[in-house]
Amino acid sequence: MSGFSAPVGFTFDDNGRMYVWEKAGRVWIVQNGVKLTPALLDISEEVGDWRDHGFLGFTLDPDFLTNGRMYMMYAVDRHHLMNFGTGTYNAATNQYFAATIMRITRYTAIGPNFNATDYNSRVVLLGETRKTGVPLLHESHSLMERFWPLWAMAPATTPWM
């Protein structure tokens, strides 16, 4: 299958639809071999996409087809982290190769088809602020890459989710 920009991984829901996530911060649904548009989720403005950093983890809640919950882990662009919500923020500006954080976030897709995301449903589970995120201090690799596989296996049983 083609038409993706730096795909990181894929997963399936219980109906067999495939979800492909891209390093820049987009998630696409593939249904019956066709990539649906627009993207299910696009948080590329927030994601720090350089070297091996970016939107590195994505998983569907075990009850996704009932509750629409999706979880993701990514590097936060430093300009976004430091300036979002202020007069100095510019969505077209990126600040790569600088200290930032890793973040775990939950969004909810809109039922009954779950083909779109309710962006107002955003819940930051880890890394709400620069002081509460996992520090990302090097231009390559991060601690969260080690943590993500363990976390991804337990979203339904973890009390803070």
Protein backbone atom coordinates (compact mmCIF):
# COMPACT_ATOMS: atom_id res chain seq x y z
CA MET A 1 0.00 0.00 0.00
CA SER A 2 1.31 3.46 -0.83
CA GLY A 3 0.29 7.03 -0.16
CA PHE A 4 1.72 7.41 3.34
CA SER A 5 4.45 9.77 4.51
CA ALA A 6 6.87 8.06 6.93
CA PRO A 7 4.45 5.47 8.36
CA VAL A 8 5.50 4.29 11.81
CA GLY A 9 3.05 1.47 12.41
CA PHE A 10 -0.43 0.08 12.01
CA THR A 11 -3.11 -1.63 14.04
CA PHE A 12 -6.57 -3.05 13.41
CA ASP A 13 -9.95 -2.63 15.07
CA ASP A 14 -12.29 -5.58 15.69
CA ASN A 15 -14.02 -4.90 12.34
CA GLY A 16 -10.76 -5.36 10.45
CA ARG A 17 -10.16 -1.71 9.58
CA MET A 18 -6.50 -0.77 9.57
CA TYR A 19 -5.15 2.38 11.26
CA VAL A 20 -1.79 3.66 10.01
CA TRP A 21 0.06 6.36 11.93
CA GLU A 22 2.66 8.63 10.41
CA LYS A 23 5.70 10.09 12.14
CA ALA A 24 4.52 13.67 11.55
CA GLY A 25 1.35 13.16 13.64
CA ARG A 26 -1.43 11.84 11.42
CA VAL A 27 -3.54 8.67 11.67
CA TRP A 28 -5.28 7.27 8.61
CA ILE A 29 -8.00 4.61 8.32
CA VAL A 30 -7.65 2.00 5.58
CA GLN A 31 -10.94 0.26 4.86
CA ASN A 32 -11.21 -2.46 2.21
CA GLY A 33 -7.79 -1.45 0.89
CA VAL A 34 -8.75 2.23 0.50
CA LYS A 35 -7.13 5.04 2.52
CA LEU A 36 -9.99 7.19 3.82
CA THR A 37 -9.72 10.97 3.76
CA PRO A 38 -9.44 13.17 5.65
CA ALA A 39 -7.10 11.72 8.27
CA LEU A 40 -8.79 10.34 11.39
CA LEU A 41 -6.42 12.44 13.50
CA ASP A 42 -3.97 15.21 12.61
CA ILE A 43 -1.90 16.71 15.42
CA SER A 44 1.13 17.43 13.24
CA GLU A 45 1.19 21.05 14.46
CA GLU A 46 2.05 19.76 17.94
CA VAL A 47 4.37 16.87 17.05
CA GLY A 48 8.13 17.33 16.94
CA ASP A 49 9.08 15.37 13.83
CA TRP A 50 12.86 15.23 13.47
CA ARG A 51 15.39 12.42 13.22
CA ASP A 52 13.88 9.44 15.05
CA HIS A 53 11.45 11.55 17.10
CA GLY A 54 7.83 12.13 16.19
CA PHE A 55 4.47 10.42 16.61
CA LEU A 56 5.89 7.09 17.71
CA GLY A 57 3.05 5.21 19.39
CA PHE A 58 -0.64 4.71 18.75
CA THR A 59 -3.14 2.22 20.10
CA LEU A 60 -6.89 1.75 20.11
CA ASP A 61 -8.74 1.18 23.36
CA PRO A 62 -9.85 -2.47 23.69
CA ASP A 63 -13.44 -1.12 23.57
CA PHE A 64 -12.70 1.31 20.72
CA LEU A 65 -15.79 0.38 18.69
CA THR A 66 -17.91 1.31 21.71
CA ASN A 67 -16.07 4.27 23.26
CA GLY A 68 -13.92 5.56 20.36
CA ARG A 69 -10.87 6.11 22.56
CA MET A 70 -7.40 6.29 21.00
CA TYR A 71 -4.07 6.75 22.77
CA MET A 72 -0.89 8.20 21.33
CA MET A 73 2.68 8.95 22.37
CA TYR A 74 4.83 11.58 20.68
CA ALA A 75 7.59 14.14 20.97
CA VAL A 76 6.19 17.65 21.41
CA ASP A 77 7.62 20.33 19.14
CA ARG A 78 9.50 22.73 21.43
CA HIS A 79 7.97 25.85 19.83
CA HIS A 80 4.50 24.40 20.45
CA LEU A 81 5.40 23.40 24.01
CA MET A 82 6.77 26.80 24.96
CA ASN A 83 4.46 29.12 22.99
CA PHE A 84 1.08 27.51 22.24
CA GLY A 85 -1.72 29.70 23.55
CA THR A 86 0.43 32.85 23.58
CA GLY A 87 0.81 35.73 21.16
CA THR A 88 4.22 34.43 20.08
CA TYR A 89 2.88 31.08 18.84
CA ASN A 90 3.05 30.44 15.10
CA ALA A 91 1.69 27.11 13.83
CA ALA A 92 4.15 27.21 10.92
CA THR A 93 7.19 27.43 13.23
CA ASN A 94 9.07 24.36 14.42
CA GLN A 95 11.88 24.25 16.94
CA TYR A 96 13.67 20.97 16.47
CA PHE A 97 16.93 19.69 17.98
CA ALA A 98 16.14 21.36 21.32
CA ALA A 99 15.05 20.05 24.72
CA THR A 100 11.35 19.22 24.89
CA ILE A 101 9.10 16.48 26.30
CA MET A 102 7.35 13.28 25.33
CA ARG A 103 3.58 13.25 25.80
CA ILE A 104 0.83 10.61 26.03
CA THR A 105 -2.59 11.83 24.96
CA ARG A 106 -6.07 10.37 24.53
CA TYR A 107 -8.61 11.46 21.93
CA THR A 108 -12.08 10.12 21.17
CA ALA A 109 -13.30 9.29 17.68
CA ILE A 110 -16.90 10.21 16.88
CA GLY A 111 -19.32 7.27 16.61
CA PRO A 112 -21.06 5.41 15.21
CA ASN A 113 -18.55 5.14 12.31
CA PHE A 114 -15.50 6.46 14.23
CA ASN A 115 -14.11 8.08 11.05
CA ALA A 116 -13.45 11.50 12.64
CA THR A 117 -11.94 12.76 15.87
CA ASP A 118 -13.54 15.03 18.45
CA TYR A 119 -10.56 17.33 19.01
CA ASN A 120 -12.28 18.75 22.11
CA SER A 121 -12.03 15.30 23.71
CA ARG A 122 -8.25 15.66 24.12
CA VAL A 123 -6.93 14.47 27.48
CA VAL A 124 -3.22 14.66 28.23
CA LEU A 125 -2.38 11.64 30.37
CA LEU A 126 1.32 12.39 30.71
CA GLY A 127 3.08 15.64 29.83
CA GLU A 128 0.43 18.34 30.23
CA THR A 129 3.20 20.90 30.79
CA ARG A 130 6.93 21.09 30.19
CA LYS A 131 7.38 20.23 33.88
CA THR A 132 5.19 17.11 33.81
CA GLY A 133 6.35 15.51 30.56
CA VAL A 134 9.12 13.00 30.15
CA PRO A 135 12.24 15.02 29.29
CA LEU A 136 13.59 14.61 25.78
CA LEU A 137 17.07 16.08 25.98
CA HIS A 138 18.96 14.60 23.05
CA GLU A 139 18.51 15.03 19.33
CA SER A 140 18.12 11.27 18.93
CA HIS A 141 16.33 8.57 20.93
CA SER A 142 14.18 9.02 24.00
CA LEU A 143 13.19 7.32 27.24
CA MET A 144 9.59 6.92 26.08
CA GLU A 145 10.65 4.54 23.32
CA ARG A 146 11.48 2.11 26.12
CA PHE A 147 8.32 2.85 28.12
CA TRP A 148 5.73 2.81 25.33
CA PRO A 149 5.46 -0.98 24.71
CA LEU A 150 4.68 -1.62 28.39
CA TRP A 151 2.11 1.18 28.55
CA ALA A 152 0.40 0.21 25.30
CA MET A 153 -0.52 -3.20 26.66
CA ALA A 154 -2.41 -1.83 29.66
CA PRO A 155 -4.69 1.13 28.76
CA ALA A 156 -7.89 -0.59 29.86
CA THR A 157 -6.48 -1.59 33.22
CA THR A 158 -4.53 1.53 34.12
CA PRO A 159 -6.56 3.61 36.62
CA TRP A 160 -5.45 7.06 35.37
CA MET A 161 -6.86 6.44 31.92
